[in-house]
C-alpha atoms as a PDB file:
ATOM      1  CA  MET A   1      21.047 -25.416 -16.715  1.00  0.00           C
ATOM      2  CA  ASN A   2      20.229 -21.755 -15.073  1.00  0.00           C
ATOM      3  CA  GLN A   3      18.455 -21.944 -11.827  1.00  0.00           C
ATOM      4  CA  LYS A   4      15.163 -19.367 -11.909  1.00  0.00           C
ATOM      5  CA  LYS A   5      15.345 -17.333  -9.127  1.00  0.00           C
ATOM      6  CA  ALA A   6      13.130 -15.021  -7.590  1.00  0.00           C
ATOM      7  CA  MET A   7      12.964 -12.711  -4.415  1.00  0.00           C
ATOM      8  CA  LEU A   8       9.557 -11.844  -2.494  1.00  0.00           C
ATOM      9  CA  VAL A   9       9.766  -8.946  -0.728  1.00  0.00           C
ATOM     10  CA  VAL A  10       6.715  -8.817   1.823  1.00  0.00           C
ATOM     11  CA  SER A  11       5.178  -6.059   3.064  1.00  0.00           C
ATOM     12  CA  PHE A  12       2.173  -5.283   5.713  1.00  0.00           C
ATOM     13  CA  GLY A  13       0.900  -2.758   2.785  1.00  0.00           C
ATOM     14  CA  THR A  14      -0.651   0.386   2.566  1.00  0.00           C
ATOM     15  CA  SER A  15      -3.669   2.069   0.650  1.00  0.00           C
ATOM     16  CA  TYR A  16      -2.142   5.106   0.305  1.00  0.00           C
ATOM     17  CA  GLU A  17      -0.446   5.045  -3.497  1.00  0.00           C
ATOM     18  CA  GLU A  18       1.940   7.908  -2.883  1.00  0.00           C
ATOM     19  CA  THR A  19       3.741   6.416   0.330  1.00  0.00           C
ATOM     20  CA  ARG A  20       3.539   3.205  -1.311  1.00  0.00           C
ATOM     21  CA  ASN A  21       5.626   3.983  -4.164  1.00  0.00           C
ATOM     22  CA  LYS A  22       8.000   6.175  -2.230  1.00  0.00           C
ATOM     23  CA  THR A  23       8.601   3.739   0.331  1.00  0.00           C
ATOM     24  CA  ILE A  24       7.696  -0.313  -0.770  1.00  0.00           C
ATOM     25  CA  GLY A  25       8.224   0.334  -4.137  1.00  0.00           C
ATOM     26  CA  ALA A  26      11.272   2.180  -3.707  1.00  0.00           C
ATOM     27  CA  ILE A  27      12.699  -0.809  -1.429  1.00  0.00           C
ATOM     28  CA  GLU A  28      11.927  -3.240  -4.307  1.00  0.00           C
ATOM     29  CA  LYS A  29      13.172  -1.063  -7.107  1.00  0.00           C
ATOM     30  CA  GLU A  30      17.164  -0.773  -4.978  1.00  0.00           C
ATOM     31  CA  ILE A  31      16.654  -4.611  -4.483  1.00  0.00           C
ATOM     32  CA  ALA A  32      16.026  -4.883  -8.200  1.00  0.00           C
ATOM     33  CA  GLU A  33      18.682  -2.787  -9.031  1.00  0.00           C
ATOM     34  CA  VAL A  34      21.648  -4.700  -6.657  1.00  0.00           C
ATOM     35  CA  TYR A  35      20.451  -8.147  -8.153  1.00  0.00           C
ATOM     36  CA  PRO A  36      19.540  -7.939 -12.048  1.00  0.00           C
ATOM     37  CA  ASP A  37      19.464 -11.672 -12.353  1.00  0.00           C
ATOM     38  CA  TRP A  38      16.823 -11.924  -9.727  1.00  0.00           C
ATOM     39  CA  GLU A  39      13.075 -11.697 -10.468  1.00  0.00           C
ATOM     40  CA  ILE A  40      11.411  -9.316  -8.028  1.00  0.00           C
ATOM     41  CA  ARG A  41       7.803  -9.665  -6.782  1.00  0.00           C
ATOM     42  CA  ARG A  42       5.708  -8.587  -4.058  1.00  0.00           C
ATOM     43  CA  ALA A  43       2.908  -9.710  -1.708  1.00  0.00           C
ATOM     44  CA  PHE A  44       1.199  -7.398   1.455  1.00  0.00           C
ATOM     45  CA  THR A  45       0.089  -9.654   4.542  1.00  0.00           C
ATOM     46  CA  SER A  46      -2.542  -7.286   5.178  1.00  0.00           C
ATOM     47  CA  GLY A  47      -6.189  -8.531   4.089  1.00  0.00           C
ATOM     48  CA  MET A  48      -7.828  -5.573   5.119  1.00  0.00           C
ATOM     49  CA  ILE A  49      -5.199  -3.355   2.792  1.00  0.00           C
ATOM     50  CA  LEU A  50      -5.847  -6.076   0.015  1.00  0.00           C
ATOM     51  CA  ARG A  51      -9.520  -6.036  -0.106  1.00  0.00           C
ATOM     52  CA  VAL A  52      -9.152  -1.954  -0.199  1.00  0.00           C
ATOM     53  CA  LEU A  53      -6.991  -1.862  -3.014  1.00  0.00           C
ATOM     54  CA  LYS A  54      -9.012  -4.183  -4.981  1.00  0.00           C
ATOM     55  CA  LYS A  55     -12.348  -2.798  -4.192  1.00  0.00           C
ATOM     56  CA  ARG A  56     -11.510   0.964  -4.833  1.00  0.00           C
ATOM     57  CA  ASP A  57      -8.305   1.118  -7.010  1.00  0.00           C
ATOM     58  CA  GLY A  58      -9.380  -2.621  -8.914  1.00  0.00           C
ATOM     59  CA  LEU A  59      -5.398  -3.325  -8.063  1.00  0.00           C
ATOM     60  CA  HIS A  60      -4.581  -7.070  -7.172  1.00  0.00           C
ATOM     61  CA  ILE A  61      -1.672  -7.455  -5.068  1.00  0.00           C
ATOM     62  CA  ASP A  62      -0.910 -11.046  -3.893  1.00  0.00           C
ATOM     63  CA  ASN A  63      -1.129 -12.372  -0.424  1.00  0.00           C
ATOM     64  CA  VAL A  64       1.724 -14.515   0.425  1.00  0.00           C
ATOM     65  CA  THR A  65      -0.187 -17.779  -0.367  1.00  0.00           C
ATOM     66  CA  GLU A  66      -1.318 -16.585  -3.782  1.00  0.00           C
ATOM     67  CA  ALA A  67       2.383 -15.718  -4.190  1.00  0.00           C
ATOM     68  CA  MET A  68       4.062 -18.679  -3.117  1.00  0.00           C
ATOM     69  CA  GLU A  69       1.437 -20.461  -5.445  1.00  0.00           C
ATOM     70  CA  ARG A  70       2.294 -18.597  -8.574  1.00  0.00           C
ATOM     71  CA  LEU A  71       6.215 -19.047  -7.465  1.00  0.00           C
ATOM     72  CA  VAL A  72       6.001 -22.696  -7.901  1.00  0.00           C
ATOM     73  CA  LYS A  73       3.575 -22.559 -10.981  1.00  0.00           C
ATOM     74  CA  ASP A  74       6.401 -20.419 -12.596  1.00  0.00           C
ATOM     75  CA  GLY A  75       8.934 -22.919 -12.123  1.00  0.00           C
ATOM     76  CA  TYR A  76      11.239 -21.135  -9.880  1.00  0.00           C
ATOM     77  CA  ASP A  77      14.262 -22.697  -8.082  1.00  0.00           C
ATOM     78  CA  THR A  78      15.191 -20.691  -5.510  1.00  0.00           C
ATOM     79  CA  VAL A  79      13.139 -18.328  -3.770  1.00  0.00           C
ATOM     80  CA  LEU A  80      14.544 -15.691  -1.272  1.00  0.00           C
ATOM     81  CA  ILE A  81      11.463 -13.976   0.868  1.00  0.00           C
ATOM     82  CA  GLN A  82      12.668 -10.805   2.349  1.00  0.00           C
ATOM     83  CA  PRO A  83      10.115  -8.986   4.576  1.00  0.00           C
ATOM     84  CA  THR A  84       9.808  -5.068   4.903  1.00  0.00           C
ATOM     85  CA  HIS A  85       8.566  -5.470   8.543  1.00  0.00           C
ATOM     86  CA  ILE A  86       9.903  -3.671  11.215  1.00  0.00           C
ATOM     87  CA  ILE A  87       9.775  -6.255  14.076  1.00  0.00           C
ATOM     88  CA  ASN A  88       9.425 -10.141  14.199  1.00  0.00           C
ATOM     89  CA  GLY A  89       5.882  -9.774  15.193  1.00  0.00           C
ATOM     90  CA  ASP A  90       2.223 -10.933  14.535  1.00  0.00           C
ATOM     91  CA  GLU A  91       2.774 -10.182  10.562  1.00  0.00           C
ATOM     92  CA  TYR A  92       6.179 -11.719  10.453  1.00  0.00           C
ATOM     93  CA  ASP A  93       4.787 -14.943  12.083  1.00  0.00           C
ATOM     94  CA  LYS A  94       1.755 -15.172   9.773  1.00  0.00           C
ATOM     95  CA  MET A  95       3.871 -15.004   6.581  1.00  0.00           C
ATOM     96  CA  VAL A  96       6.497 -17.812   7.935  1.00  0.00           C
ATOM     97  CA  ALA A  97       3.369 -20.093   8.978  1.00  0.00           C
ATOM     98  CA  GLU A  98       2.136 -19.459   5.352  1.00  0.00           C
ATOM     99  CA  ILE A  99       5.410 -20.155   3.666  1.00  0.00           C
ATOM    100  CA  GLN A 100       6.185 -23.435   5.715  1.00  0.00           C
ATOM    101  CA  PRO A 101       3.699 -25.760   3.738  1.00  0.00           C
ATOM    102  CA  TYR A 102       6.007 -24.572   0.275  1.00  0.00           C
ATOM    103  CA  LYS A 103       9.365 -25.298   1.807  1.00  0.00           C
ATOM    104  CA  GLU A 104       9.571 -28.553  -0.240  1.00  0.00           C
ATOM    105  CA  GLN A 105       8.538 -27.463  -3.537  1.00  0.00           C
ATOM    106  CA  PHE A 106      11.922 -25.266  -4.067  1.00  0.00           C
ATOM    107  CA  GLU A 107      15.811 -26.541  -4.028  1.00  0.00           C
ATOM    108  CA  LYS A 108      16.351 -23.519  -1.701  1.00  0.00           C
ATOM    109  CA  ILE A 109      14.212 -21.180   0.065  1.00  0.00           C
ATOM    110  CA  LYS A 110      15.368 -18.420   2.921  1.00  0.00           C
ATOM    111  CA  ILE A 111      13.458 -16.167   4.855  1.00  0.00           C
ATOM    112  CA  GLY A 112      15.041 -12.999   5.459  1.00  0.00           C
ATOM    113  CA  ALA A 113      15.463 -10.662   8.780  1.00  0.00           C
ATOM    114  CA  PRO A 114      12.880  -7.570   9.849  1.00  0.00           C
ATOM    115  CA  LEU A 115      14.327  -4.383   9.917  1.00  0.00           C
ATOM    116  CA  LEU A 116      14.886  -4.829  13.796  1.00  0.00           C
ATOM    117  CA  THR A 117      16.259  -8.045  14.582  1.00  0.00           C
ATOM    118  CA  SER A 118      20.155  -8.143  15.794  1.00  0.00           C
ATOM    119  CA  SER A 119      21.328  -5.460  18.119  1.00  0.00           C
ATOM    120  CA  GLN A 120      23.833  -4.324  15.331  1.00  0.00           C
ATOM    121  CA  ASP A 121      20.369  -3.529  13.655  1.00  0.00           C
ATOM    122  CA  TYR A 122      19.438  -1.056  16.407  1.00  0.00           C
ATOM    123  CA  GLU A 123      22.496   0.845  16.021  1.00  0.00           C
ATOM    124  CA  GLU A 124      22.095   1.311  12.160  1.00  0.00           C
ATOM    125  CA  VAL A 125      18.490   2.145  12.085  1.00  0.00           C
ATOM    126  CA  ILE A 126      18.886   4.847  14.638  1.00  0.00           C
ATOM    127  CA  GLU A 127      21.759   6.338  12.505  1.00  0.00           C
ATOM    128  CA  GLY A 128      19.591   6.114   9.804  1.00  0.00           C
ATOM    129  CA  VAL A 129      17.009   8.180  11.499  1.00  0.00           C
ATOM    130  CA  MET A 130      18.940  10.912  13.123  1.00  0.00           C
ATOM    131  CA  ALA A 131      20.304  11.449   9.670  1.00  0.00           C
ATOM    132  CA  GLN A 132      17.254  12.987   8.670  1.00  0.00           C
ATOM    133  CA  PHE A 133      17.838  15.602  11.428  1.00  0.00           C
ATOM    134  CA  PRO A 134      21.253  16.748  11.492  1.00  0.00           C
ATOM    135  CA  HIS A 135      19.978  20.021  13.332  1.00  0.00           C
ATOM    136  CA  LEU A 136      17.851  18.588  15.558  1.00  0.00           C
ATOM    137  CA  GLN A 137      17.795  21.303  18.664  1.00  0.00           C
ATOM    138  CA  SER A 138      18.366  20.848  22.355  1.00  0.00           C
ATOM    139  CA  ASP A 139      15.176  22.566  22.568  1.00  0.00           C
ATOM    140  CA  GLU A 140      13.226  20.234  20.228  1.00  0.00           C
ATOM    141  CA  ALA A 141      11.905  16.647  20.899  1.00  0.00           C
ATOM    142  CA  LEU A 142      11.552  14.179  18.043  1.00  0.00           C
ATOM    143  CA  VAL A 143       8.572  11.905  18.888  1.00  0.00           C
ATOM    144  CA  LEU A 144       8.866   8.415  16.983  1.00  0.00           C
ATOM    145  CA  MET A 145       5.205   6.593  16.330  1.00  0.00           C
ATOM    146  CA  GLY A 146       5.475   3.177  15.613  1.00  0.00           C
ATOM    147  CA  HIS A 147       2.897   0.872  15.302  1.00  0.00           C
ATOM    148  CA  GLY A 148       2.873  -1.307  18.453  1.00  0.00           C
ATOM    149  CA  THR A 149       1.289  -4.695  18.871  1.00  0.00           C
ATOM    150  CA  THR A 150      -0.025  -7.619  21.399  1.00  0.00           C
ATOM    151  CA  HIS A 151       2.799  -9.812  20.425  1.00  0.00           C
ATOM    152  CA  HIS A 152       5.499 -10.300  22.803  1.00  0.00           C
ATOM    153  CA  THR A 153       7.977  -8.392  20.685  1.00  0.00           C
ATOM    154  CA  ASP A 154       6.026  -5.014  21.480  1.00  0.00           C
ATOM    155  CA  ALA A 155       9.394  -4.780  23.844  1.00  0.00           C
ATOM    156  CA  VAL A 156      11.615  -3.686  20.873  1.00  0.00           C
ATOM    157  CA  TYR A 157       9.840  -0.071  21.033  1.00  0.00           C
ATOM    158  CA  ALA A 158      10.993   0.550  24.531  1.00  0.00           C
ATOM    159  CA  ALA A 159      14.210  -1.021  23.902  1.00  0.00           C
ATOM    160  CA  LEU A 160      14.470   1.247  20.790  1.00  0.00           C
ATOM    161  CA  ASP A 161      13.857   4.106  22.966  1.00  0.00           C
ATOM    162  CA  TYR A 162      16.465   3.121  25.482  1.00  0.00           C
ATOM    163  CA  ARG A 163      18.778   2.640  22.898  1.00  0.00           C
ATOM    164  CA  PHE A 164      18.465   5.860  21.464  1.00  0.00           C
ATOM    165  CA  LYS A 165      19.494   7.665  24.704  1.00  0.00           C
ATOM    166  CA  ALA A 166      22.181   5.439  25.402  1.00  0.00           C
ATOM    167  CA  MET A 167      23.706   6.588  22.023  1.00  0.00           C
ATOM    168  CA  GLY A 168      23.391  10.032  23.278  1.00  0.00           C
ATOM    169  CA  TYR A 169      20.025  11.107  21.682  1.00  0.00           C
ATOM    170  CA  THR A 170      18.263  12.262  24.671  1.00  0.00           C
ATOM    171  CA  ASN A 171      15.594  14.423  22.888  1.00  0.00           C
ATOM    172  CA  VAL A 172      14.152  11.410  20.787  1.00  0.00           C
ATOM    173  CA  PHE A 173      11.091   9.238  22.098  1.00  0.00           C
ATOM    174  CA  VAL A 174       9.523   6.189  20.679  1.00  0.00           C
ATOM    175  CA  GLY A 175       6.002   5.195  21.528  1.00  0.00           C
ATOM    176  CA  THR A 176       3.144   3.247  20.009  1.00  0.00           C
ATOM    177  CA  VAL A 177      -0.377   3.488  18.593  1.00  0.00           C
ATOM    178  CA  GLU A 178      -1.222  -0.152  19.803  1.00  0.00           C
ATOM    179  CA  GLY A 179       1.277  -1.030  22.367  1.00  0.00           C
ATOM    180  CA  TYR A 180       3.758   0.480  24.889  1.00  0.00           C
ATOM    181  CA  PRO A 181       5.028   2.696  25.550  1.00  0.00           C
ATOM    182  CA  ASP A 182       1.743   4.446  24.425  1.00  0.00           C
ATOM    183  CA  PHE A 183       1.044   8.090  24.171  1.00  0.00           C
ATOM    184  CA  GLU A 184       0.483   8.711  27.711  1.00  0.00           C
ATOM    185  CA  GLN A 185       3.951   7.216  28.716  1.00  0.00           C
ATOM    186  CA  VAL A 186       5.760   9.139  25.759  1.00  0.00           C
ATOM    187  CA  SER A 187       4.422  12.522  26.324  1.00  0.00           C
ATOM    188  CA  ASN A 188       4.832  11.843  30.537  1.00  0.00           C
ATOM    189  CA  MET A 189       8.527  11.529  29.201  1.00  0.00           C
ATOM    190  CA  VAL A 190       8.640  14.532  27.000  1.00  0.00           C
ATOM    191  CA  ASP A 191       6.997  16.851  29.723  1.00  0.00           C
ATOM    192  CA  VAL A 192      10.227  15.781  31.739  1.00  0.00           C
ATOM    193  CA  TYR A 193      12.407  16.891  28.787  1.00  0.00           C
ATOM    194  CA  HIS A 194      10.302  20.020  28.551  1.00  0.00           C
ATOM    195  CA  PRO A 195      10.906  21.148  24.966  1.00  0.00           C
ATOM    196  CA  LYS A 196       9.601  24.021  23.039  1.00  0.00           C
ATOM    197  CA  LYS A 197       8.693  22.072  19.824  1.00  0.00           C
ATOM    198  CA  VAL A 198       7.953  18.439  19.460  1.00  0.00           C
ATOM    199  CA  ILE A 199       8.631  16.953  15.777  1.00  0.00           C
ATOM    200  CA  LEU A 200       6.322  14.175  15.305  1.00  0.00           C
ATOM    201  CA  MET A 201       7.343  11.420  12.499  1.00  0.00           C
ATOM    202  CA  PRO A 202       6.156   7.566  11.892  1.00  0.00           C
ATOM    203  CA  PHE A 203       8.531   4.544  12.800  1.00  0.00           C
ATOM    204  CA  MET A 204       6.469   2.847  10.114  1.00  0.00           C
ATOM    205  CA  VAL A 205       7.999   1.678   6.638  1.00  0.00           C
ATOM    206  CA  VAL A 206       4.845   3.957   5.106  1.00  0.00           C
ATOM    207  CA  ALA A 207       3.294   7.056   6.032  1.00  0.00           C
ATOM    208  CA  GLY A 208      -0.184   5.570   5.962  1.00  0.00           C
ATOM    209  CA  ASP A 209      -3.338   6.029   7.621  1.00  0.00           C
ATOM    210  CA  HIS A 210      -1.769   5.929  11.199  1.00  0.00           C
ATOM    211  CA  ALA A 211       0.465   8.472  10.209  1.00  0.00           C
ATOM    212  CA  GLN A 212      -1.952  10.916   8.401  1.00  0.00           C
ATOM    213  CA  ASN A 213      -4.692  10.155  11.282  1.00  0.00           C
ATOM    214  CA  ASP A 214      -3.351   8.801  14.717  1.00  0.00           C
ATOM    215  CA  MET A 215      -0.587  11.143  14.173  1.00  0.00           C
ATOM    216  CA  ALA A 216      -1.196  14.241  12.317  1.00  0.00           C
ATOM    217  CA  GLY A 217      -4.821  14.271  11.922  1.00  0.00           C
ATOM    218  CA  GLU A 218      -6.885  16.919  12.940  1.00  0.00           C
ATOM    219  CA  GLU A 219      -8.708  14.874  15.439  1.00  0.00           C
ATOM    220  CA  GLU A 220      -9.133  15.548  19.055  1.00  0.00           C
ATOM    221  CA  ASP A 221      -7.145  12.242  19.817  1.00  0.00           C
ATOM    222  CA  SER A 222      -4.354  12.328  17.374  1.00  0.00           C
ATOM    223  CA  TRP A 223      -1.351  12.983  19.040  1.00  0.00           C
ATOM    224  CA  LYS A 224      -0.598  16.250  16.780  1.00  0.00           C
ATOM    225  CA  THR A 225      -3.616  17.929  18.402  1.00  0.00           C
ATOM    226  CA  LEU A 226      -2.857  15.773  22.184  1.00  0.00           C
ATOM    227  CA  PHE A 227       0.482  17.583  22.083  1.00  0.00           C
ATOM    228  CA  GLU A 228      -0.748  21.015  20.923  1.00  0.00           C
ATOM    229  CA  GLN A 229      -2.856  20.829  23.998  1.00  0.00           C
ATOM    230  CA  LYS A 230      -0.107  20.599  26.325  1.00  0.00           C
ATOM    231  CA  GLY A 231       1.185  24.013  25.098  1.00  0.00           C
ATOM    232  CA  TYR A 232       4.012  22.545  22.577  1.00  0.00           C
ATOM    233  CA  LYS A 233       4.527  23.852  18.868  1.00  0.00           C
ATOM    234  CA  VAL A 234       4.097  20.500  16.814  1.00  0.00           C
ATOM    235  CA  GLU A 235       5.808  19.878  13.340  1.00  0.00           C
ATOM    236  CA  CYS A 236       4.439  16.397  11.672  1.00  0.00           C
ATOM    237  CA  ILE A 237       7.045  14.750   8.917  1.00  0.00           C
ATOM    238  CA  LEU A 238       4.750  12.644   7.102  1.00  0.00           C
ATOM    239  CA  LYS A 239       7.328  10.310   5.543  1.00  0.00           C
ATOM    240  CA  GLY A 240       7.814   6.773   6.256  1.00  0.00           C
ATOM    241  CA  LEU A 241      11.145   4.855   6.966  1.00  0.00           C
ATOM    242  CA  GLY A 242      11.354   3.339   3.495  1.00  0.00           C
ATOM    243  CA  GLU A 243      11.952   6.902   2.090  1.00  0.00           C
ATOM    244  CA  PHE A 244      15.127   6.951   3.630  1.00  0.00           C
ATOM    245  CA  GLN A 245      18.217   5.657   1.968  1.00  0.00           C
ATOM    246  CA  GLN A 246      19.775   4.347   5.032  1.00  0.00           C
ATOM    247  CA  ILE A 247      16.956   2.017   6.220  1.00  0.00           C
ATOM    248  CA  ARG A 248      16.650   0.828   2.521  1.00  0.00           C
ATOM    249  CA  GLU A 249      20.206   0.087   2.616  1.00  0.00           C
ATOM    250  CA  GLN A 250      19.371  -2.358   5.911  1.00  0.00           C
ATOM    251  CA  TYR A 251      16.970  -4.065   3.710  1.00  0.00           C
ATOM    252  CA  ARG A 252      19.364  -4.646   1.263  1.00  0.00           C
ATOM    253  CA  LYS A 253      21.903  -5.981   4.053  1.00  0.00           C
ATOM    254  CA  HIS A 254      19.601  -8.269   5.460  1.00  0.00           C
ATOM    255  CA  VAL A 255      18.817  -9.355   1.681  1.00  0.00           C
ATOM    256  CA  ALA A 256      22.731 -10.273   1.305  1.00  0.00           C
ATOM    257  CA  ASP A 257      22.801 -11.931   4.595  1.00  0.00           C
ATOM    258  CA  MET A 258      20.640 -14.402   3.037  1.00  0.00           C
ATOM    259  CA  LEU A 259      22.877 -14.569   0.487  1.00  0.00           C
ATOM    260  CA  THR A 260      25.783 -15.336   2.141  1.00  0.00           C
ATOM    261  CA  GLU A 261      24.341 -18.022   4.345  1.00  0.00           C
ATOM    262  CA  GLU A 262      25.302 -21.471   3.909  1.00  0.00           C
END
């Protein structure tokens, strides 16, 4: 008797359809192509985004609990859960907690790792990001805007900045909207480097609200405006990490890791 197998891809989510298709949708599509014998399902962890999508677009996407209930009801034996979260932070912890009550309902269930988990992940993600900037000039600074968190894994962003430098990318800087390093710390480091141009890009799976507004918006407190006020020429790249082939490959590696672990 064939086992019924499903992979649940869990994302924070976004209310921006275009970036959702290019990032989360692309990750799910590639996992489906590599594993055609598995049912691929989607869940979002952000209640706010789920409510916006339901009210504004009439679009229902399962939260983690709903997705797990559906998998039980549909009779799946083996379930793999792969998050598209970047760090092992609050959203990841919340997801794991919501999955726990269902662990006895399947013959086999595993949870995959977020993007930045192992030391090797850092190197491969950095290489994946820098593959997008083969012609980054020495008088340019690439500033990556992460989300940030009050969770202790906020330390990931400073560690990532350090790792960029250790790998020779001295003109790449990592900051966060809601954590550390914040804009002030990042802009101080950029000032010390003293480039002519600042290139801003989100270090987030999607180029959603934070990228569109906090990073690239015309408001007086957006990173674009603040860097322009310092006299820099600023270019904004509105692409989420999920648009990059090497980053999607990293998530697929984490799926493969689940399948090879006993």
